[in-house]
N, C-alpha and C. Protein backbone atom coordinates (compact mmCIF):
# COMPACT_ATOMS: atom_id res chain seq x y z
N MET A 1 -60.58 37.94 -58.54
CA MET A 1 -60.15 37.56 -57.21
C MET A 1 -59.41 38.71 -56.57
N GLN A 2 -59.38 38.69 -55.28
CA GLN A 2 -58.67 39.71 -54.54
C GLN A 2 -57.39 39.14 -53.98
N GLU A 3 -56.53 40.06 -53.55
CA GLU A 3 -55.29 39.61 -52.95
C GLU A 3 -55.59 38.95 -51.62
N GLY A 4 -54.93 37.85 -51.36
CA GLY A 4 -55.18 37.14 -50.12
C GLY A 4 -53.88 36.67 -49.50
N THR A 5 -53.93 35.52 -48.93
CA THR A 5 -52.76 34.96 -48.25
C THR A 5 -51.74 34.49 -49.28
N PRO A 6 -50.47 34.39 -48.86
CA PRO A 6 -49.44 33.93 -49.79
C PRO A 6 -49.76 32.54 -50.31
N GLY A 7 -49.40 32.30 -51.55
CA GLY A 7 -49.66 31.03 -52.19
C GLY A 7 -51.04 30.94 -52.81
N GLU A 8 -51.87 31.91 -52.58
CA GLU A 8 -53.22 31.92 -53.12
C GLU A 8 -53.17 32.50 -54.53
N PHE A 9 -53.96 31.96 -55.44
CA PHE A 9 -54.00 32.42 -56.81
C PHE A 9 -54.55 33.85 -56.86
N LYS A 10 -53.88 34.69 -57.67
CA LYS A 10 -54.33 36.07 -57.84
C LYS A 10 -54.71 36.26 -59.30
N GLU A 11 -55.74 37.02 -59.54
CA GLU A 11 -56.17 37.27 -60.90
C GLU A 11 -55.64 38.63 -61.35
N TYR A 12 -55.07 38.66 -62.55
CA TYR A 12 -54.57 39.91 -63.11
C TYR A 12 -55.26 40.10 -64.45
N ARG A 13 -55.53 41.33 -64.78
CA ARG A 13 -56.23 41.62 -66.03
C ARG A 13 -55.32 41.44 -67.24
N THR A 14 -54.05 41.89 -67.14
CA THR A 14 -53.11 41.79 -68.26
C THR A 14 -51.75 41.35 -67.74
N ALA A 15 -50.90 41.00 -68.66
CA ALA A 15 -49.53 40.63 -68.29
C ALA A 15 -48.82 41.83 -67.67
N LEU A 16 -49.19 43.02 -68.10
CA LEU A 16 -48.57 44.22 -67.55
C LEU A 16 -48.85 44.35 -66.05
N HIS A 17 -50.10 44.04 -65.64
CA HIS A 17 -50.40 44.07 -64.21
C HIS A 17 -49.54 43.05 -63.46
N TRP A 18 -49.36 41.90 -64.07
CA TRP A 18 -48.56 40.85 -63.43
C TRP A 18 -47.11 41.31 -63.26
N CYS A 19 -46.55 41.93 -64.30
CA CYS A 19 -45.17 42.41 -64.26
C CYS A 19 -45.02 43.57 -63.29
N ASN A 20 -45.98 44.47 -63.26
CA ASN A 20 -45.90 45.63 -62.38
C ASN A 20 -46.03 45.25 -60.91
N ASN A 21 -46.63 44.13 -60.63
CA ASN A 21 -46.77 43.70 -59.24
C ASN A 21 -45.56 42.92 -58.75
N ARG A 22 -44.47 42.98 -59.50
CA ARG A 22 -43.18 42.40 -59.12
C ARG A 22 -43.23 40.88 -58.96
N ASN A 23 -44.06 40.24 -59.73
CA ASN A 23 -44.12 38.79 -59.69
C ASN A 23 -43.17 38.15 -60.70
N MET A 24 -42.72 38.93 -61.65
CA MET A 24 -41.85 38.41 -62.69
C MET A 24 -40.41 38.43 -62.19
N PRO A 25 -39.70 37.31 -62.32
CA PRO A 25 -38.31 37.29 -61.88
C PRO A 25 -37.46 38.28 -62.68
N VAL A 26 -36.51 38.89 -62.02
CA VAL A 26 -35.69 39.91 -62.64
C VAL A 26 -34.24 39.45 -62.63
N ARG A 27 -33.58 39.56 -63.78
CA ARG A 27 -32.16 39.23 -63.85
C ARG A 27 -31.35 40.44 -63.41
N THR A 28 -30.41 40.21 -62.57
CA THR A 28 -29.54 41.29 -62.15
C THR A 28 -28.13 40.99 -62.63
N LYS A 29 -27.40 42.01 -63.01
CA LYS A 29 -26.03 41.84 -63.45
C LYS A 29 -25.12 41.69 -62.24
N ILE A 30 -24.15 40.83 -62.38
CA ILE A 30 -23.16 40.65 -61.33
C ILE A 30 -22.09 41.72 -61.50
N GLN A 31 -21.79 42.42 -60.45
CA GLN A 31 -20.77 43.46 -60.50
C GLN A 31 -19.40 42.82 -60.63
N ARG A 32 -18.59 43.29 -61.55
CA ARG A 32 -17.26 42.76 -61.77
C ARG A 32 -16.20 43.75 -61.30
N SER A 33 -16.56 44.65 -60.44
CA SER A 33 -15.62 45.68 -60.02
C SER A 33 -14.47 45.12 -59.21
N SER A 34 -14.66 43.96 -58.56
CA SER A 34 -13.60 43.40 -57.74
C SER A 34 -12.51 42.75 -58.59
N ARG A 35 -12.84 42.38 -59.84
CA ARG A 35 -11.86 41.75 -60.71
C ARG A 35 -11.45 42.71 -61.81
N ALA A 36 -10.22 42.55 -62.27
CA ALA A 36 -9.76 43.36 -63.39
C ALA A 36 -10.45 42.89 -64.66
N LYS A 37 -10.73 43.81 -65.53
CA LYS A 37 -11.42 43.48 -66.77
C LYS A 37 -10.46 42.71 -67.69
N SER A 38 -10.95 41.65 -68.29
CA SER A 38 -10.16 40.86 -69.22
C SER A 38 -10.24 41.48 -70.61
N VAL A 39 -9.18 41.32 -71.37
CA VAL A 39 -9.13 41.83 -72.73
C VAL A 39 -8.80 40.67 -73.66
N ARG A 40 -9.55 40.53 -74.72
CA ARG A 40 -9.28 39.49 -75.70
C ARG A 40 -8.20 40.01 -76.64
N GLN A 41 -7.14 39.22 -76.80
CA GLN A 41 -6.00 39.66 -77.59
C GLN A 41 -5.56 38.51 -78.50
N SER A 42 -5.32 38.81 -79.74
CA SER A 42 -4.85 37.81 -80.69
C SER A 42 -3.36 38.01 -80.91
N VAL A 43 -2.60 36.92 -80.81
CA VAL A 43 -1.15 36.99 -81.01
C VAL A 43 -0.69 35.83 -81.88
N THR A 44 0.43 36.01 -82.55
CA THR A 44 1.05 34.94 -83.30
C THR A 44 2.23 34.43 -82.48
N ILE A 45 2.25 33.13 -82.25
CA ILE A 45 3.28 32.53 -81.40
C ILE A 45 4.10 31.57 -82.25
N PRO A 46 5.43 31.65 -82.17
CA PRO A 46 6.27 30.73 -82.95
C PRO A 46 5.99 29.26 -82.59
N ALA A 47 6.12 28.38 -83.56
CA ALA A 47 5.79 26.96 -83.38
C ALA A 47 6.55 26.29 -82.23
N PRO A 48 7.87 26.52 -82.09
CA PRO A 48 8.56 25.87 -80.96
C PRO A 48 8.02 26.32 -79.59
N LEU A 49 7.64 27.58 -79.51
CA LEU A 49 7.10 28.10 -78.26
C LEU A 49 5.72 27.53 -77.97
N ILE A 50 4.90 27.39 -78.99
CA ILE A 50 3.55 26.87 -78.78
C ILE A 50 3.62 25.40 -78.36
N ALA A 51 4.63 24.68 -78.83
CA ALA A 51 4.80 23.29 -78.40
C ALA A 51 5.06 23.23 -76.90
N GLU A 52 5.85 24.17 -76.40
CA GLU A 52 6.12 24.22 -74.96
C GLU A 52 4.87 24.62 -74.17
N VAL A 53 4.09 25.53 -74.73
CA VAL A 53 2.85 25.95 -74.08
C VAL A 53 1.88 24.77 -74.00
N ARG A 54 1.79 24.00 -75.08
CA ARG A 54 0.93 22.81 -75.07
C ARG A 54 1.38 21.82 -74.01
N ARG A 55 2.71 21.64 -73.91
CA ARG A 55 3.26 20.73 -72.90
C ARG A 55 2.88 21.19 -71.49
N VAL A 56 3.03 22.48 -71.22
CA VAL A 56 2.68 23.02 -69.91
C VAL A 56 1.19 22.86 -69.64
N ALA A 57 0.37 23.14 -70.63
CA ALA A 57 -1.08 23.01 -70.47
C ALA A 57 -1.47 21.57 -70.16
N LYS A 58 -0.85 20.65 -70.84
CA LYS A 58 -1.15 19.23 -70.61
C LYS A 58 -0.68 18.79 -69.23
N GLU A 59 0.54 19.19 -68.83
CA GLU A 59 1.08 18.81 -67.52
C GLU A 59 0.24 19.36 -66.37
N ARG A 60 -0.23 20.59 -66.52
CA ARG A 60 -0.98 21.24 -65.44
C ARG A 60 -2.49 21.09 -65.59
N ASN A 61 -2.90 20.38 -66.63
CA ASN A 61 -4.32 20.16 -66.91
C ASN A 61 -5.07 21.49 -67.05
N LEU A 62 -4.52 22.36 -67.91
CA LEU A 62 -5.09 23.69 -68.16
C LEU A 62 -5.47 23.80 -69.63
N THR A 63 -6.30 24.78 -69.93
CA THR A 63 -6.55 25.11 -71.32
C THR A 63 -5.34 25.86 -71.86
N MET A 64 -5.25 25.95 -73.17
CA MET A 64 -4.13 26.69 -73.77
C MET A 64 -4.15 28.15 -73.34
N SER A 65 -5.33 28.74 -73.30
CA SER A 65 -5.44 30.15 -72.90
C SER A 65 -4.96 30.34 -71.47
N ARG A 66 -5.41 29.47 -70.57
CA ARG A 66 -5.02 29.60 -69.16
C ARG A 66 -3.53 29.36 -68.98
N ALA A 67 -2.97 28.42 -69.77
CA ALA A 67 -1.53 28.16 -69.70
C ALA A 67 -0.74 29.38 -70.16
N LEU A 68 -1.21 30.03 -71.24
CA LEU A 68 -0.54 31.25 -71.71
C LEU A 68 -0.58 32.35 -70.66
N VAL A 69 -1.73 32.52 -70.03
CA VAL A 69 -1.86 33.54 -68.99
C VAL A 69 -0.94 33.21 -67.82
N SER A 70 -0.91 31.96 -67.41
CA SER A 70 -0.07 31.55 -66.29
C SER A 70 1.41 31.79 -66.59
N LEU A 71 1.84 31.41 -67.79
CA LEU A 71 3.24 31.62 -68.17
C LEU A 71 3.59 33.10 -68.28
N ALA A 72 2.66 33.89 -68.79
CA ALA A 72 2.90 35.34 -68.88
C ALA A 72 3.02 35.96 -67.50
N GLU A 73 2.14 35.55 -66.58
CA GLU A 73 2.20 36.06 -65.21
C GLU A 73 3.52 35.70 -64.54
N ARG A 74 3.97 34.45 -64.73
CA ARG A 74 5.24 34.02 -64.15
C ARG A 74 6.41 34.80 -64.75
N GLY A 75 6.35 35.06 -66.05
CA GLY A 75 7.41 35.82 -66.71
C GLY A 75 7.48 37.25 -66.21
N ILE A 76 6.33 37.86 -66.02
CA ILE A 76 6.29 39.24 -65.50
C ILE A 76 6.82 39.27 -64.08
N GLN A 77 6.44 38.28 -63.26
CA GLN A 77 6.93 38.23 -61.88
C GLN A 77 8.44 38.02 -61.84
N ALA A 78 8.96 37.16 -62.73
CA ALA A 78 10.41 36.93 -62.80
C ALA A 78 11.14 38.22 -63.19
N ASP A 79 10.56 38.98 -64.11
CA ASP A 79 11.16 40.24 -64.53
C ASP A 79 11.19 41.24 -63.37
N LEU A 80 10.09 41.33 -62.63
CA LEU A 80 10.05 42.23 -61.47
C LEU A 80 11.05 41.80 -60.40
N ASP A 81 11.18 40.50 -60.17
CA ASP A 81 12.15 40.00 -59.20
C ASP A 81 13.58 40.32 -59.62
N ALA A 82 13.87 40.20 -60.92
CA ALA A 82 15.21 40.52 -61.43
C ALA A 82 15.52 42.01 -61.23
N LYS A 83 14.53 42.87 -61.45
CA LYS A 83 14.74 44.31 -61.24
C LYS A 83 15.01 44.61 -59.77
N GLU A 84 14.27 43.95 -58.88
CA GLU A 84 14.49 44.16 -57.45
C GLU A 84 15.88 43.68 -57.03
N LYS A 85 16.31 42.55 -57.59
CA LYS A 85 17.64 42.02 -57.29
C LYS A 85 18.72 42.99 -57.77
N LEU A 86 18.51 43.57 -58.95
CA LEU A 86 19.46 44.53 -59.49
C LEU A 86 19.53 45.78 -58.61
N LYS A 87 18.39 46.28 -58.18
CA LYS A 87 18.37 47.45 -57.30
C LYS A 87 19.08 47.16 -55.98
N ALA A 88 18.84 45.98 -55.42
CA ALA A 88 19.48 45.61 -54.15
C ALA A 88 21.00 45.49 -54.32
N ALA A 89 21.45 44.90 -55.43
CA ALA A 89 22.89 44.76 -55.69
C ALA A 89 23.53 46.13 -55.88
N TYR A 90 22.87 47.01 -56.59
CA TYR A 90 23.40 48.36 -56.79
C TYR A 90 23.49 49.12 -55.47
N LYS A 91 22.45 49.02 -54.65
CA LYS A 91 22.45 49.70 -53.36
C LYS A 91 23.57 49.17 -52.46
N ARG A 92 23.73 47.84 -52.46
CA ARG A 92 24.79 47.24 -51.64
C ARG A 92 26.16 47.72 -52.12
N PHE A 93 26.37 47.77 -53.44
CA PHE A 93 27.64 48.22 -53.99
C PHE A 93 27.92 49.67 -53.62
N MET A 94 26.91 50.52 -53.72
CA MET A 94 27.10 51.93 -53.41
C MET A 94 27.29 52.19 -51.92
N ASP A 95 26.66 51.37 -51.08
CA ASP A 95 26.75 51.58 -49.63
C ASP A 95 28.03 51.00 -49.02
N GLU A 96 28.66 50.07 -49.71
CA GLU A 96 29.84 49.40 -49.15
C GLU A 96 31.05 50.33 -49.21
N GLN A 97 31.79 50.42 -48.10
CA GLN A 97 32.94 51.32 -48.03
C GLN A 97 34.28 50.59 -48.10
N LYS A 98 34.37 49.41 -47.49
CA LYS A 98 35.62 48.66 -47.45
C LYS A 98 35.90 48.01 -48.80
N PRO A 99 37.19 47.99 -49.22
CA PRO A 99 37.54 47.48 -50.56
C PRO A 99 37.16 46.01 -50.79
N GLY A 100 37.40 45.14 -49.82
CA GLY A 100 37.10 43.71 -50.01
C GLY A 100 35.61 43.45 -50.23
N PRO A 101 34.78 43.87 -49.28
CA PRO A 101 33.34 43.67 -49.48
C PRO A 101 32.79 44.46 -50.67
N ARG A 102 33.40 45.61 -50.98
CA ARG A 102 32.93 46.39 -52.13
C ARG A 102 33.22 45.64 -53.43
N ASN A 103 34.36 44.95 -53.47
CA ASN A 103 34.70 44.15 -54.65
C ASN A 103 33.68 43.02 -54.84
N GLU A 104 33.31 42.36 -53.74
CA GLU A 104 32.30 41.29 -53.80
C GLU A 104 30.93 41.86 -54.22
N ALA A 105 30.59 43.02 -53.70
CA ALA A 105 29.33 43.67 -54.08
C ALA A 105 29.35 44.06 -55.55
N GLY A 106 30.53 44.47 -56.05
CA GLY A 106 30.67 44.80 -57.47
C GLY A 106 30.47 43.57 -58.34
N LYS A 107 31.03 42.43 -57.91
CA LYS A 107 30.83 41.18 -58.67
C LYS A 107 29.35 40.77 -58.67
N GLU A 108 28.69 40.95 -57.53
CA GLU A 108 27.27 40.64 -57.45
C GLU A 108 26.46 41.54 -58.39
N LEU A 109 26.87 42.81 -58.47
CA LEU A 109 26.18 43.75 -59.36
C LEU A 109 26.39 43.35 -60.83
N VAL A 110 27.60 42.95 -61.19
CA VAL A 110 27.88 42.52 -62.56
C VAL A 110 27.06 41.28 -62.89
N ARG A 111 26.96 40.34 -61.95
CA ARG A 111 26.15 39.13 -62.17
C ARG A 111 24.66 39.49 -62.34
N ALA A 112 24.20 40.49 -61.58
CA ALA A 112 22.80 40.90 -61.69
C ALA A 112 22.52 41.53 -63.05
N VAL A 113 23.53 42.23 -63.60
CA VAL A 113 23.34 42.90 -64.89
C VAL A 113 23.52 41.92 -66.05
N PHE A 114 24.59 41.12 -66.01
CA PHE A 114 24.95 40.30 -67.16
C PHE A 114 24.68 38.80 -66.99
N GLY A 115 24.24 38.37 -65.84
CA GLY A 115 23.97 36.95 -65.62
C GLY A 115 25.02 36.32 -64.72
N LYS A 116 24.70 35.13 -64.24
CA LYS A 116 25.57 34.49 -63.24
C LYS A 116 26.91 34.05 -63.80
N ASP A 117 27.03 33.80 -65.11
CA ASP A 117 28.29 33.36 -65.70
C ASP A 117 29.09 34.51 -66.29
N ALA A 118 28.78 35.73 -65.91
CA ALA A 118 29.44 36.90 -66.50
C ALA A 118 30.87 37.07 -66.03
N ILE A 119 31.19 36.58 -64.86
CA ILE A 119 32.53 36.76 -64.32
C ILE A 119 33.23 35.40 -64.32
N ALA A 120 34.36 35.33 -65.03
CA ALA A 120 35.15 34.09 -65.05
C ALA A 120 35.92 34.01 -63.74
N GLU A 121 35.82 32.89 -63.08
CA GLU A 121 36.52 32.69 -61.81
C GLU A 121 37.96 32.28 -62.09
N ASP A 122 38.89 32.79 -61.30
CA ASP A 122 40.31 32.43 -61.42
C ASP A 122 40.53 31.14 -60.66
N THR A 123 40.85 30.05 -61.38
CA THR A 123 41.01 28.74 -60.73
C THR A 123 42.42 28.49 -60.26
N PHE A 124 43.39 29.38 -60.55
CA PHE A 124 44.79 29.17 -60.19
C PHE A 124 45.23 29.90 -58.94
N GLN A 125 44.36 30.28 -58.09
CA GLN A 125 44.75 31.03 -56.89
C GLN A 125 45.31 30.15 -55.84
């Protein structure tokens, strides 16, 4: 048979002719350049911590892996936020010239470094 209108049966001598005429479907790979590459990593997690991860996974209806990723992302973001807060407190302390506001900026800097309960408040003033 000869080539004719679309939908018409065509005769090919071999499977190679059929493949070369682009009739065979071709699988194409999906480009993953827009997403960061994932890495499989094995870790040992203490039992009390894994119990909390299971609780979070169940509450949020996530898999254990996704819950671990979510908690790790939140922890990294909290760490970055703490660093930014420390930088801002240090800058405020260094920029302040007057003794009263500088003292308050110094207390804020100490809290940023050592935590919110680092400075005992004087209750007898």
